[in-house]
PDB file of N, CA and C in Angstrom:
ATOM      1  N   UNK A   1       0.810  -1.192   0.000  1.00  0.00           N
ATOM      2  CA  UNK A   1       0.000   0.000   0.000  1.00  0.00           C
ATOM      3  C   UNK A   1       0.860   1.265   0.000  1.00  0.00           C
ATOM      4  N   UNK A   2       1.926   1.280   0.823  1.00  0.00           N
ATOM      5  CA  UNK A   2       2.781   2.458   0.896  1.00  0.00           C
ATOM      6  C   UNK A   2       3.545   2.668  -0.401  1.00  0.00           C
ATOM      7  N   UNK A   3       3.983   1.603  -1.049  1.00  0.00           N
ATOM      8  CA  UNK A   3       4.722   1.737  -2.295  1.00  0.00           C
ATOM      9  C   UNK A   3       3.852   2.368  -3.373  1.00  0.00           C
ATOM     10  N   UNK A   4       2.599   1.962  -3.441  1.00  0.00           N
ATOM     11  CA  UNK A   4       1.680   2.504  -4.430  1.00  0.00           C
ATOM     12  C   UNK A   4       1.452   3.999  -4.191  1.00  0.00           C
ATOM     13  N   UNK A   5       1.306   4.410  -2.935  1.00  0.00           N
ATOM     14  CA  UNK A   5       1.111   5.813  -2.586  1.00  0.00           C
ATOM     15  C   UNK A   5       2.327   6.648  -2.967  1.00  0.00           C
ATOM     16  N   UNK A   6       3.524   6.133  -2.649  1.00  0.00           N
ATOM     17  CA  UNK A   6       4.756   6.852  -2.983  1.00  0.00           C
ATOM     18  C   UNK A   6       4.907   6.995  -4.492  1.00  0.00           C
ATOM     19  N   UNK A   7       4.543   5.914  -5.216  1.00  0.00           N
ATOM     20  CA  UNK A   7       4.635   5.959  -6.670  1.00  0.00           C
ATOM     21  C   UNK A   7       3.701   7.024  -7.238  1.00  0.00           C
ATOM     22  N   UNK A   8       2.446   7.060  -6.755  1.00  0.00           N
ATOM     23  CA  UNK A   8       1.479   8.040  -7.249  1.00  0.00           C
ATOM     24  C   UNK A   8       1.917   9.460  -6.902  1.00  0.00           C
ATOM     25  N   UNK A   9       2.441   9.637  -5.688  1.00  0.00           N
ATOM     26  CA  UNK A   9       2.892  10.961  -5.272  1.00  0.00           C
ATOM     27  C   UNK A   9       4.059  11.435  -6.134  1.00  0.00           C
ATOM     28  N   UNK A  10       5.042  10.582  -6.343  1.00  0.00           N
ATOM     29  CA  UNK A  10       6.198  10.988  -7.152  1.00  0.00           C
ATOM     30  C   UNK A  10       5.790  11.200  -8.611  1.00  0.00           C
ATOM     31  N   UNK A  11       4.851  10.400  -9.096  1.00  0.00           N
ATOM     32  CA  UNK A  11       4.367  10.563 -10.462  1.00  0.00           C
ATOM     33  C   UNK A  11       3.659  11.914 -10.616  1.00  0.00           C
ATOM     34  N   UNK A  12       2.863  12.300  -9.636  1.00  0.00           N
ATOM     35  CA  UNK A  12       2.163  13.581  -9.653  1.00  0.00           C
ATOM     36  C   UNK A  12       3.146  14.744  -9.577  1.00  0.00           C
ATOM     37  N   UNK A  13       4.151  14.610  -8.719  1.00  0.00           N
ATOM     38  CA  UNK A  13       5.167  15.652  -8.591  1.00  0.00           C
ATOM     39  C   UNK A  13       5.915  15.816  -9.910  1.00  0.00           C
ATOM     40  N   UNK A  14       6.224  14.743 -10.569  1.00  0.00           N
ATOM     41  CA  UNK A  14       6.925  14.814 -11.857  1.00  0.00           C
ATOM     42  C   UNK A  14       6.051  15.497 -12.916  1.00  0.00           C
ATOM     43  N   UNK A  15       4.748  15.204 -12.925  1.00  0.00           N
ATOM     44  CA  UNK A  15       3.851  15.848 -13.885  1.00  0.00           C
ATOM     45  C   UNK A  15       3.778  17.356 -13.649  1.00  0.00           C
ATOM     46  N   UNK A  16       3.616  17.743 -12.386  1.00  0.00           N
ATOM     47  CA  UNK A  16       3.526  19.166 -12.052  1.00  0.00           C
ATOM     48  C   UNK A  16       4.833  19.877 -12.389  1.00  0.00           C
ATOM     49  N   UNK A  17       5.959  19.243 -12.085  1.00  0.00           N
ATOM     50  CA  UNK A  17       7.266  19.833 -12.402  1.00  0.00           C
ATOM     51  C   UNK A  17       7.436  19.995 -13.905  1.00  0.00           C
ATOM     52  N   UNK A  18       7.006  19.009 -14.663  1.00  0.00           N
ATOM     53  CA  UNK A  18       7.095  19.083 -16.117  1.00  0.00           C
ATOM     54  C   UNK A  18       6.254  20.211 -16.687  1.00  0.00           C
ATOM     55  N   UNK A  19       5.034  20.347 -16.179  1.00  0.00           N
ATOM     56  CA  UNK A  19       4.165  21.429 -16.640  1.00  0.00           C
ATOM     57  C   UNK A  19       4.739  22.798 -16.288  1.00  0.00           C
ATOM     58  N   UNK A  20       5.306  22.912 -15.106  1.00  0.00           N
ATOM     59  CA  UNK A  20       5.927  24.169 -14.695  1.00  0.00           C
ATOM     60  C   UNK A  20       7.107  24.503 -15.608  1.00  0.00           C
ATOM     61  N   UNK A  21       7.922  23.526 -15.900  1.00  0.00           N
ATOM     62  CA  UNK A  21       9.085  23.735 -16.769  1.00  0.00           C
ATOM     63  C   UNK A  21       8.658  24.144 -18.183  1.00  0.00           C
ATOM     64  N   UNK A  22       7.621  23.513 -18.707  1.00  0.00           N
ATOM     65  CA  UNK A  22       7.110  23.864 -20.034  1.00  0.00           C
ATOM     66  C   UNK A  22       6.561  25.289 -20.037  1.00  0.00           C
ATOM     67  N   UNK A  23       5.847  25.661 -18.981  1.00  0.00           N
ATOM     68  CA  UNK A  23       5.293  27.018 -18.885  1.00  0.00           C
ATOM     69  C   UNK A  23       6.392  28.066 -18.872  1.00  0.00           C
ATOM     70  N   UNK A  24       7.437  27.820 -18.096  1.00  0.00           N
ATOM     71  CA  UNK A  24       8.564  28.761 -18.031  1.00  0.00           C
ATOM     72  C   UNK A  24       9.248  28.873 -19.391  1.00  0.00           C
ATOM     73  N   UNK A  25       9.434  27.745 -20.057  1.00  0.00           N
ATOM     74  CA  UNK A  25      10.070  27.748 -21.378  1.00  0.00           C
ATOM     75  C   UNK A  25       9.235  28.534 -22.383  1.00  0.00           C
ATOM     76  N   UNK A  26       7.915  28.384 -22.336  1.00  0.00           N
ATOM     77  CA  UNK A  26       7.044  29.128 -23.245  1.00  0.00           C
ATOM     78  C   UNK A  26       7.096  30.629 -22.981  1.00  0.00           C
ATOM     79  N   UNK A  27       7.117  31.033 -21.705  1.00  0.00           N
ATOM     80  CA  UNK A  27       7.207  32.452 -21.373  1.00  0.00           C
ATOM     81  C   UNK A  27       8.519  33.061 -21.851  1.00  0.00           C
ATOM     82  N   UNK A  28       9.608  32.331 -21.662  1.00  0.00           N
ATOM     83  CA  UNK A  28      10.916  32.824 -22.102  1.00  0.00           C
ATOM     84  C   UNK A  28      10.960  32.937 -23.625  1.00  0.00           C
ATOM     85  N   UNK A  29      10.456  31.924 -24.329  1.00  0.00           N
ATOM     86  CA  UNK A  29      10.492  31.973 -25.790  1.00  0.00           C
ATOM     87  C   UNK A  29       9.586  33.087 -26.322  1.00  0.00           C
ATOM     88  N   UNK A  30       8.471  33.354 -25.646  1.00  0.00           N
ATOM     89  CA  UNK A  30       7.579  34.455 -26.040  1.00  0.00           C
ATOM     90  C   UNK A  30       8.296  35.793 -25.918  1.00  0.00           C
ATOM     91  N   UNK A  31       9.002  35.985 -24.813  1.00  0.00           N
ATOM     92  CA  UNK A  31       9.730  37.240 -24.608  1.00  0.00           C
ATOM     93  C   UNK A  31      10.861  37.387 -25.636  1.00  0.00           C
ATOM     94  N   UNK A  32      11.589  36.320 -25.898  1.00  0.00           N
ATOM     95  CA  UNK A  32      12.671  36.361 -26.887  1.00  0.00           C
ATOM     96  C   UNK A  32      12.107  36.678 -28.269  1.00  0.00           C
ATOM     97  N   UNK A  33      10.974  36.052 -28.611  1.00  0.00           N
ATOM     98  CA  UNK A  33      10.351  36.310 -29.913  1.00  0.00           C
ATOM     99  C   UNK A  33       9.930  37.765 -30.035  1.00  0.00           C
ATOM    100  N   UNK A  34       9.317  38.328 -28.992  1.00  0.00           N
ATOM    101  CA  UNK A  34       8.892  39.732 -29.034  1.00  0.00           C
ATOM    102  C   UNK A  34      10.073  40.673 -29.204  1.00  0.00           C
ATOM    103  N   UNK A  35      11.167  40.417 -28.497  1.00  0.00           N
ATOM    104  CA  UNK A  35      12.355  41.269 -28.628  1.00  0.00           C
ATOM    105  C   UNK A  35      12.958  41.155 -30.023  1.00  0.00           C
ATOM    106  N   UNK A  36      13.013  39.948 -30.565  1.00  0.00           N
ATOM    107  CA  UNK A  36      13.552  39.759 -31.912  1.00  0.00           C
ATOM    108  C   UNK A  36      12.655  40.443 -32.947  1.00  0.00           C
ATOM    109  N   UNK A  37      11.347  40.355 -32.737  1.00  0.00           N
ATOM    110  CA  UNK A  37      10.397  41.000 -33.648  1.00  0.00           C
ATOM    111  C   UNK A  37      10.589  42.518 -33.627  1.00  0.00           C
ATOM    112  N   UNK A  38      10.807  43.091 -32.445  1.00  0.00           N
ATOM    113  CA  UNK A  38      11.047  44.540 -32.354  1.00  0.00           C
ATOM    114  C   UNK A  38      12.342  44.931 -33.054  1.00  0.00           C
ATOM    115  N   UNK A  39      13.371  44.107 -32.933  1.00  0.00           N
ATOM    116  CA  UNK A  39      14.645  44.439 -33.585  1.00  0.00           C
ATOM    117  C   UNK A  39      14.520  44.375 -35.100  1.00  0.00           C
ATOM    118  N   UNK A  40      13.806  43.381 -35.609  1.00  0.00           N
ATOM    119  CA  UNK A  40      13.692  43.190 -37.048  1.00  0.00           C
ATOM    120  C   UNK A  40      12.746  44.184 -37.716  1.00  0.00           C
ATOM    121  N   UNK A  41      11.629  44.480 -37.074  1.00  0.00           N
ATOM    122  CA  UNK A  41      10.573  45.276 -37.697  1.00  0.00           C
ATOM    123  C   UNK A  41      10.283  46.548 -36.909  1.00  0.00           C
ATOM    124  N   UNK A  42      11.330  47.179 -36.398  1.00  0.00           N
ATOM    125  CA  UNK A  42      11.173  48.342 -35.511  1.00  0.00           C
ATOM    126  C   UNK A  42      10.655  49.567 -36.253  1.00  0.00           C
ATOM    127  N   UNK A  43       9.651  50.208 -35.625  1.00  0.00           N
ATOM    128  CA  UNK A  43       9.111  51.474 -36.120  1.00  0.00           C
ATOM    129  C   UNK A  43       9.087  52.434 -34.942  1.00  0.00           C
ATOM    130  N   UNK A  44       9.715  53.604 -35.120  1.00  0.00           N
ATOM    131  CA  UNK A  44       9.647  54.619 -34.066  1.00  0.00           C
ATOM    132  C   UNK A  44       8.391  55.440 -34.288  1.00  0.00           C
ATOM    133  N   UNK A  45       7.722  55.757 -33.173  1.00  0.00           N
ATOM    134  CA  UNK A  45       6.450  56.441 -33.259  1.00  0.00           C
ATOM    135  C   UNK A  45       6.247  57.283 -32.004  1.00  0.00           C
ATOM    136  N   UNK A  46       5.166  58.025 -31.976  1.00  0.00           N
ATOM    137  CA  UNK A  46       4.787  58.802 -30.791  1.00  0.00           C
ATOM    138  C   UNK A  46       3.426  58.310 -30.327  1.00  0.00           C
ATOM    139  N   UNK A  47       3.241  58.299 -29.007  1.00  0.00           N
ATOM    140  CA  UNK A  47       1.985  57.828 -28.429  1.00  0.00           C
ATOM    141  C   UNK A  47       1.451  58.870 -27.456  1.00  0.00           C
ATOM    142  N   UNK A  48       0.152  58.912 -27.354  1.00  0.00           N
ATOM    143  CA  UNK A  48      -0.531  59.809 -26.431  1.00  0.00           C
ATOM    144  C   UNK A  48      -0.857  59.030 -25.150  1.00  0.00           C
ATOM    145  N   UNK A  49      -0.494  59.583 -24.011  1.00  0.00           N
ATOM    146  CA  UNK A  49      -0.770  58.941 -22.724  1.00  0.00           C
ATOM    147  C   UNK A  49      -2.243  59.172 -22.391  1.00  0.00           C
ATOM    148  N   UNK A  50      -2.998  58.082 -22.281  1.00  0.00           N
ATOM    149  CA  UNK A  50      -4.424  58.177 -21.977  1.00  0.00           C
ATOM    150  C   UNK A  50      -4.705  58.050 -20.483  1.00  0.00           C
ATOM    151  N   UNK A  51      -3.881  57.268 -19.787  1.00  0.00           N
ATOM    152  CA  UNK A  51      -4.081  57.070 -18.355  1.00  0.00           C
ATOM    153  C   UNK A  51      -2.760  56.608 -17.751  1.00  0.00           C
ATOM    154  N   UNK A  52      -2.538  56.992 -16.516  1.00  0.00           N
ATOM    155  CA  UNK A  52      -1.358  56.547 -15.792  1.00  0.00           C
ATOM    156  C   UNK A  52      -1.756  56.322 -14.340  1.00  0.00           C
ATOM    157  N   UNK A  53      -1.336  55.199 -13.799  1.00  0.00           N
ATOM    158  CA  UNK A  53      -1.701  54.875 -12.413  1.00  0.00           C
ATOM    159  C   UNK A  53      -0.530  54.174 -11.745  1.00  0.00           C
ATOM    160  N   UNK A  54      -0.388  54.443 -10.462  1.00  0.00           N
ATOM    161  CA  UNK A  54       0.629  53.782  -9.645  1.00  0.00           C
ATOM    162  C   UNK A  54      -0.091  52.862  -8.665  1.00  0.00           C
ATOM    163  N   UNK A  55       0.294  51.611  -8.640  1.00  0.00           N
ATOM    164  CA  UNK A  55      -0.326  50.635  -7.749  1.00  0.00           C
ATOM    165  C   UNK A  55       0.672  50.225  -6.674  1.00  0.00           C
ATOM    166  N   UNK A  56       0.209  50.235  -5.438  1.00  0.00           N
ATOM    167  CA  UNK A  56       1.025  49.807  -4.303  1.00  0.00           C
ATOM    168  C   UNK A  56       0.084  49.123  -3.317  1.00  0.00           C
ATOM    169  N   UNK A  57       0.162  47.823  -3.283  1.00  0.00           N
ATOM    170  CA  UNK A  57      -0.692  47.110  -2.338  1.00  0.00           C
ATOM    171  C   UNK A  57       0.055  45.931  -1.735  1.00  0.00           C
ATOM    172  N   UNK A  58      -0.439  45.479  -0.613  1.00  0.00           N
ATOM    173  CA  UNK A  58       0.192  44.380   0.113  1.00  0.00           C
ATOM    174  C   UNK A  58      -0.278  43.071  -0.511  1.00  0.00           C
ATOM    175  N   UNK A  59       0.679  42.302  -1.010  1.00  0.00           N
ATOM    176  CA  UNK A  59       0.361  41.034  -1.644  1.00  0.00           C
ATOM    177  C   UNK A  59       0.105  39.950  -0.600  1.00  0.00           C
ATOM    178  N   UNK A  60       0.897  39.972   0.459  1.00  0.00           N
ATOM    179  CA  UNK A  60       0.780  38.958   1.490  1.00  0.00           C
ATOM    180  C   UNK A  60       0.844  39.671   2.835  1.00  0.00           C
ATOM    181  N   UNK A  61      -0.242  39.652   3.576  1.00  0.00           N
ATOM    182  CA  UNK A  61      -0.302  40.410   4.825  1.00  0.00           C
ATOM    183  C   UNK A  61       0.652  39.868   5.886  1.00  0.00           C
ATOM    184  N   UNK A  62       0.881  38.583   5.887  1.00  0.00           N
ATOM    185  CA  UNK A  62       1.791  38.009   6.900  1.00  0.00           C
ATOM    186  C   UNK A  62       3.220  38.491   6.715  1.00  0.00           C
ATOM    187  N   UNK A  63       3.692  38.446   5.491  1.00  0.00           N
ATOM    188  CA  UNK A  63       5.078  38.847   5.243  1.00  0.00           C
ATOM    189  C   UNK A  63       5.186  40.325   4.873  1.00  0.00           C
ATOM    190  N   UNK A  64       4.047  40.985   4.687  1.00  0.00           N
ATOM    191  CA  UNK A  64       3.997  42.403   4.324  1.00  0.00           C
ATOM    192  C   UNK A  64       4.745  42.692   3.021  1.00  0.00           C
ATOM    193  N   UNK A  65       4.636  41.789   2.072  1.00  0.00           N
ATOM    194  CA  UNK A  65       5.252  42.007   0.770  1.00  0.00           C
ATOM    195  C   UNK A  65       4.383  42.964  -0.039  1.00  0.00           C
ATOM    196  N   UNK A  66       5.006  44.022  -0.536  1.00  0.00           N
ATOM    197  CA  UNK A  66       4.295  45.012  -1.336  1.00  0.00           C
ATOM    198  C   UNK A  66       4.484  44.711  -2.816  1.00  0.00           C
ATOM    199  N   UNK A  67       3.449  44.945  -3.555  1.00  0.00           N
ATOM    200  CA  UNK A  67       3.503  44.842  -5.006  1.00  0.00           C
ATOM    201  C   UNK A  67       3.330  46.248  -5.540  1.00  0.00           C
ATOM    202  N   UNK A  68       4.363  46.756  -6.224  1.00  0.00           N
ATOM    203  CA  UNK A  68       4.353  48.134  -6.719  1.00  0.00           C
ATOM    204  C   UNK A  68       4.645  48.138  -8.213  1.00  0.00           C
ATOM    205  N   UNK A  69       3.822  48.860  -8.955  1.00  0.00           N
ATOM    206  CA  UNK A  69       4.070  49.005 -10.392  1.00  0.00           C
ATOM    207  C   UNK A  69       3.263  50.175 -10.943  1.00  0.00           C
ATOM    208  N   UNK A  70       3.697  50.645 -12.107  1.00  0.00           N
ATOM    209  CA  UNK A  70       2.989  51.688 -12.841  1.00  0.00           C
ATOM    210  C   UNK A  70       2.240  51.030 -13.993  1.00  0.00           C
ATOM    211  N   UNK A  71       1.059  51.521 -14.265  1.00  0.00           N
ATOM    212  CA  UNK A  71       0.283  51.074 -15.426  1.00  0.00           C
ATOM    213  C   UNK A  71       0.023  52.305 -16.289  1.00  0.00           C
ATOM    214  N   UNK A  72       0.569  52.272 -17.516  1.00  0.00           N
ATOM    215  CA  UNK A  72       0.460  53.401 -18.445  1.00  0.00           C
ATOM    216  C   UNK A  72      -0.342  52.939 -19.657  1.00  0.00           C
ATOM    217  N   UNK A  73      -1.452  53.615 -19.910  1.00  0.00           N
ATOM    218  CA  UNK A  73      -2.267  53.328 -21.095  1.00  0.00           C
ATOM    219  C   UNK A  73      -1.943  54.356 -22.162  1.00  0.00           C
ATOM    220  N   UNK A  74      -1.629  53.862 -23.356  1.00  0.00           N
ATOM    221  CA  UNK A  74      -1.247  54.751 -24.453  1.00  0.00           C
ATOM    222  C   UNK A  74      -2.113  54.481 -25.676  1.00  0.00           C
ATOM    223  N   UNK A  75      -2.119  55.460 -26.574  1.00  0.00           N
ATOM    224  CA  UNK A  75      -2.830  55.339 -27.842  1.00  0.00           C
ATOM    225  C   UNK A  75      -1.932  55.922 -28.928  1.00  0.00           C
ATOM    226  N   UNK A  76      -1.827  55.212 -30.056  1.00  0.00           N
ATOM    227  CA  UNK A  76      -0.968  55.682 -31.140  1.00  0.00           C
ATOM    228  C   UNK A  76      -1.558  55.285 -32.492  1.00  0.00           C
ATOM    229  N   UNK A  77      -1.157  56.018 -33.506  1.00  0.00           N
ATOM    230  CA  UNK A  77      -1.642  55.823 -34.866  1.00  0.00           C
ATOM    231  C   UNK A  77      -0.548  55.158 -35.689  1.00  0.00           C
ATOM    232  N   UNK A  78      -0.929  54.101 -36.426  1.00  0.00           N
ATOM    233  CA  UNK A  78       0.014  53.439 -37.322  1.00  0.00           C
ATOM    234  C   UNK A  78      -0.751  52.969 -38.554  1.00  0.00           C
ATOM    235  N   UNK A  79      -0.313  53.431 -39.717  1.00  0.00           N
ATOM    236  CA  UNK A  79      -0.927  53.091 -41.002  1.00  0.00           C
ATOM    237  C   UNK A  79      -2.436  53.353 -41.001  1.00  0.00           C
ATOM    238  N   UNK A  80      -2.825  54.501 -40.461  1.00  0.00           N
ATOM    239  CA  UNK A  80      -4.219  54.917 -40.499  1.00  0.00           C
ATOM    240  C   UNK A  80      -5.132  54.252 -39.479  1.00  0.00           C
ATOM    241  N   UNK A  81      -4.578  53.468 -38.574  1.00  0.00           N
ATOM    242  CA  UNK A  81      -5.391  52.779 -37.569  1.00  0.00           C
ATOM    243  C   UNK A  81      -4.890  53.131 -36.172  1.00  0.00           C
ATOM    244  N   UNK A  82      -5.823  53.378 -35.248  1.00  0.00           N
ATOM    245  CA  UNK A  82      -5.472  53.696 -33.875  1.00  0.00           C
ATOM    246  C   UNK A  82      -5.312  52.411 -33.068  1.00  0.00           C
ATOM    247  N   UNK A  83      -4.265  52.365 -32.244  1.00  0.00           N
ATOM    248  CA  UNK A  83      -4.005  51.226 -31.373  1.00  0.00           C
ATOM    249  C   UNK A  83      -3.975  51.701 -29.922  1.00  0.00           C
ATOM    250  N   UNK A  84      -4.532  50.890 -29.045  1.00  0.00           N
ATOM    251  CA  UNK A  84      -4.499  51.147 -27.607  1.00  0.00           C
ATOM    252  C   UNK A  84      -3.694  50.036 -26.947  1.00  0.00           C
ATOM    253  N   UNK A  85      -2.840  50.420 -26.027  1.00  0.00           N
ATOM    254  CA  UNK A  85      -2.010  49.432 -25.326  1.00  0.00           C
ATOM    255  C   UNK A  85      -1.812  49.890 -23.891  1.00  0.00           C
ATOM    256  N   UNK A  86      -1.839  48.946 -22.972  1.00  0.00           N
ATOM    257  CA  UNK A  86      -1.563  49.228 -21.571  1.00  0.00           C
ATOM    258  C   UNK A  86      -0.271  48.516 -21.204  1.00  0.00           C
ATOM    259  N   UNK A  87       0.679  49.276 -20.696  1.00  0.00           N
ATOM    260  CA  UNK A  87       1.986  48.742 -20.324  1.00  0.00           C
ATOM    261  C   UNK A  87       2.149  48.816 -18.807  1.00  0.00           C
ATOM    262  N   UNK A  88       2.732  47.781 -18.228  1.00  0.00           N
ATOM    263  CA  UNK A  88       3.016  47.781 -16.793  1.00  0.00           C
ATOM    264  C   UNK A  88       4.525  47.782 -16.605  1.00  0.00           C
ATOM    265  N   UNK A  89       4.994  48.632 -15.680  1.00  0.00           N
ATOM    266  CA  UNK A  89       6.425  48.783 -15.439  1.00  0.00           C
ATOM    267  C   UNK A  89       6.699  48.832 -13.948  1.00  0.00           C
ATOM    268  N   UNK A  90       7.813  48.259 -13.559  1.00  0.00           N
ATOM    269  CA  UNK A  90       8.281  48.359 -12.187  1.00  0.00           C
ATOM    270  C   UNK A  90       8.754  49.794 -11.950  1.00  0.00           C
ATOM    271  N   UNK A  91       8.730  50.270 -10.694  1.00  0.00           N
ATOM    272  CA  UNK A  91       9.145  51.661 -10.428  1.00  0.00           C
ATOM    273  C   UNK A  91      10.545  51.995 -10.942  1.00  0.00           C
ATOM    274  N   UNK A  92      11.501  51.093 -10.800  1.00  0.00           N
ATOM    275  CA  UNK A  92      12.856  51.353 -11.297  1.00  0.00           C
ATOM    276  C   UNK A  92      12.896  51.501 -12.802  1.00  0.00           C
ATOM    277  N   UNK A  93      12.176  50.643 -13.496  1.00  0.00           N
ATOM    278  CA  UNK A  93      12.104  50.702 -14.953  1.00  0.00           C
ATOM    279  C   UNK A  93      11.405  51.987 -15.398  1.00  0.00           C
ATOM    280  N   UNK A  94      10.341  52.358 -14.697  1.00  0.00           N
ATOM    281  CA  UNK A  94       9.600  53.579 -15.016  1.00  0.00           C
ATOM    282  C   UNK A  94      10.497  54.806 -14.877  1.00  0.00           C
ATOM    283  N   UNK A  95      11.248  54.877 -13.769  1.00  0.00           N
ATOM    284  CA  UNK A  95      12.109  56.038 -13.532  1.00  0.00           C
ATOM    285  C   UNK A  95      13.243  56.121 -14.541  1.00  0.00           C
ATOM    286  N   UNK A  96      13.748  54.958 -14.993  1.00  0.00           N
ATOM    287  CA  UNK A  96      14.831  54.995 -15.975  1.00  0.00           C
ATOM    288  C   UNK A  96      14.311  55.344 -17.374  1.00  0.00           C
ATOM    289  N   UNK A  97      13.082  54.981 -17.684  1.00  0.00           N
ATOM    290  CA  UNK A  97      12.508  55.257 -19.003  1.00  0.00           C
ATOM    291  C   UNK A  97      11.942  56.669 -19.107  1.00  0.00           C
ATOM    292  N   UNK A  98      11.270  57.089 -18.058  1.00  0.00           N
ATOM    293  CA  UNK A  98      10.554  58.360 -18.102  1.00  0.00           C
ATOM    294  C   UNK A  98      11.162  59.308 -17.084  1.00  0.00           C
ATOM    295  N   UNK A  99      11.839  60.301 -17.604  1.00  0.00           N
ATOM    296  CA  UNK A  99      12.462  61.284 -16.721  1.00  0.00           C
ATOM    297  C   UNK A  99      11.498  62.447 -16.561  1.00  0.00           C
ATOM    298  N   UNK A 100      11.254  62.834 -15.328  1.00  0.00           N
ATOM    299  CA  UNK A 100      10.303  63.917 -15.080  1.00  0.00           C
ATOM    300  C   UNK A 100       8.916  63.369 -14.804  1.00  0.00           C
ATOM    301  N   UNK A 101       7.949  64.248 -14.800  1.00  0.00           N
ATOM    302  CA  UNK A 101       6.579  63.874 -14.482  1.00  0.00           C
ATOM    303  C   UNK A 101       5.812  63.574 -15.762  1.00  0.00           C
ATOM    304  N   UNK A 102       5.125  62.463 -15.778  1.00  0.00           N
ATOM    305  CA  UNK A 102       4.303  62.076 -16.916  1.00  0.00           C
ATOM    306  C   UNK A 102       2.844  62.313 -16.559  1.00  0.00           C
ATOM    307  N   UNK A 103       2.115  62.966 -17.443  1.00  0.00           N
ATOM    308  CA  UNK A 103       0.709  63.286 -17.202  1.00  0.00           C
ATOM    309  C   UNK A 103      -0.144  62.781 -18.358  1.00  0.00           C
ATOM    310  N   UNK A 104      -1.433  62.702 -18.108  1.00  0.00           N
ATOM    311  CA  UNK A 104      -2.384  62.353 -19.159  1.00  0.00           C
ATOM    312  C   UNK A 104      -2.303  63.406 -20.256  1.00  0.00           C
ATOM    313  N   UNK A 105      -2.418  62.977 -21.494  1.00  0.00           N
ATOM    314  CA  UNK A 105      -2.332  63.798 -22.706  1.00  0.00           C
ATOM    315  C   UNK A 105      -0.909  64.214 -23.062  1.00  0.00           C
ATOM    316  N   UNK A 106       0.103  63.711 -22.358  1.00  0.00           N
ATOM    317  CA  UNK A 106       1.493  63.908 -22.779  1.00  0.00           C
ATOM    318  C   UNK A 106       1.781  62.997 -23.966  1.00  0.00           C
ATOM    319  N   UNK A 107       2.775  63.371 -24.756  1.00  0.00           N
ATOM    320  CA  UNK A 107       3.216  62.552 -25.879  1.00  0.00           C
ATOM    321  C   UNK A 107       4.563  61.936 -25.524  1.00  0.00           C
ATOM    322  N   UNK A 108       4.683  60.621 -25.738  1.00  0.00           N
ATOM    323  CA  UNK A 108       5.933  59.924 -25.446  1.00  0.00           C
ATOM    324  C   UNK A 108       6.414  59.187 -26.697  1.00  0.00           C
ATOM    325  N   UNK A 109       7.716  58.897 -26.719  1.00  0.00           N
ATOM    326  CA  UNK A 109       8.301  58.159 -27.833  1.00  0.00           C
ATOM    327  C   UNK A 109       8.202  56.661 -27.546  1.00  0.00           C
ATOM    328  N   UNK A 110       7.813  55.896 -28.575  1.00  0.00           N
ATOM    329  CA  UNK A 110       7.723  54.439 -28.452  1.00  0.00           C
ATOM    330  C   UNK A 110       8.352  53.794 -29.673  1.00  0.00           C
ATOM    331  N   UNK A 111       8.626  52.521 -29.558  1.00  0.00           N
ATOM    332  CA  UNK A 111       8.932  51.691 -30.722  1.00  0.00           C
ATOM    333  C   UNK A 111       7.931  50.547 -30.717  1.00  0.00           C
ATOM    334  N   UNK A 112       7.547  50.137 -31.926  1.00  0.00           N
ATOM    335  CA  UNK A 112       6.660  48.981 -32.045  1.00  0.00           C
ATOM    336  C   UNK A 112       7.008  48.239 -33.323  1.00  0.00           C
ATOM    337  N   UNK A 113       6.465  47.069 -33.445  1.00  0.00           N
ATOM    338  CA  UNK A 113       6.727  46.244 -34.612  1.00  0.00           C
ATOM    339  C   UNK A 113       5.797  46.639 -35.750  1.00  0.00           C
ATOM    340  N   UNK A 114       6.328  46.649 -36.954  1.00  0.00           N
ATOM    341  CA  UNK A 114       5.473  46.934 -38.113  1.00  0.00           C
ATOM    342  C   UNK A 114       4.600  45.736 -38.455  1.00  0.00           C
ATOM    343  N   UNK A 115       5.022  44.550 -38.055  1.00  0.00           N
ATOM    344  CA  UNK A 115       4.257  43.334 -38.309  1.00  0.00           C
ATOM    345  C   UNK A 115       3.169  43.156 -37.253  1.00  0.00           C
ATOM    346  N   UNK A 116       3.509  43.412 -35.992  1.00  0.00           N
ATOM    347  CA  UNK A 116       2.572  43.306 -34.876  1.00  0.00           C
ATOM    348  C   UNK A 116       2.597  44.630 -34.106  1.00  0.00           C
ATOM    349  N   UNK A 117       1.764  45.588 -34.489  1.00  0.00           N
ATOM    350  CA  UNK A 117       1.820  46.918 -33.864  1.00  0.00           C
ATOM    351  C   UNK A 117       1.524  46.929 -32.362  1.00  0.00           C
ATOM    352  N   UNK A 118       0.992  45.865 -31.816  1.00  0.00           N
ATOM    353  CA  UNK A 118       0.725  45.827 -30.378  1.00  0.00           C
ATOM    354  C   UNK A 118       1.945  45.381 -29.568  1.00  0.00           C
ATOM    355  N   UNK A 119       3.031  45.038 -30.249  1.00  0.00           N
ATOM    356  CA  UNK A 119       4.301  44.738 -29.585  1.00  0.00           C
ATOM    357  C   UNK A 119       5.018  46.070 -29.414  1.00  0.00           C
ATOM    358  N   UNK A 120       4.862  46.673 -28.231  1.00  0.00           N
ATOM    359  CA  UNK A 120       5.277  48.069 -27.987  1.00  0.00           C
ATOM    360  C   UNK A 120       6.269  48.143 -26.835  1.00  0.00           C
ATOM    361  N   UNK A 121       7.189  49.089 -26.964  1.00  0.00           N
ATOM    362  CA  UNK A 121       8.129  49.393 -25.892  1.00  0.00           C
ATOM    363  C   UNK A 121       8.307  50.902 -25.830  1.00  0.00           C
ATOM    364  N   UNK A 122       8.385  51.436 -24.615  1.00  0.00           N
ATOM    365  CA  UNK A 122       8.626  52.866 -24.457  1.00  0.00           C
ATOM    366  C   UNK A 122      10.117  53.118 -24.585  1.00  0.00           C
ATOM    367  N   UNK A 123      10.476  54.160 -25.336  1.00  0.00           N
ATOM    368  CA  UNK A 123      11.877  54.572 -25.486  1.00  0.00           C
ATOM    369  C   UNK A 123      12.192  55.552 -24.357  1.00  0.00           C
ATOM    370  N   UNK A 124      13.452  55.588 -23.940  1.00  0.00           N
ATOM    371  CA  UNK A 124      13.860  56.552 -22.911  1.00  0.00           C
ATOM    372  C   UNK A 124      13.432  57.952 -23.321  1.00  0.00           C
ATOM    373  N   UNK A 125      12.809  58.640 -22.409  1.00  0.00           N
ATOM    374  CA  UNK A 125      12.267  59.979 -22.676  1.00  0.00           C
ATOM    375  C   UNK A 125      13.284  61.037 -22.313  1.00  0.00           C
TER     376      UNK A 125
END
């Protein structure tokens, strides 16, 4: 009875570990693909800031871990079509990219892919 339980437990652990490893590999390959796409099909453009918000909340009350990030919603025109995108950035990344105060209706510089216009990155301001 104990051998069967140990076998099922180890089999389940191996399945979960495999799924986790596959998920991580897919996330990494997605990020690499997006960066390669931006390098190959880069278009510099300007975007209008539609909304900006700073989030700071406690993720885990016991350990008092804070989750802090900026959420910037932008709108830009490419080939006669308007695109909306919401970008999330850590405070350090935000401060290095955007110098000074960013407000709604400001214009910022971005790069995006000509093949996939929703693949967007903010350029240092």
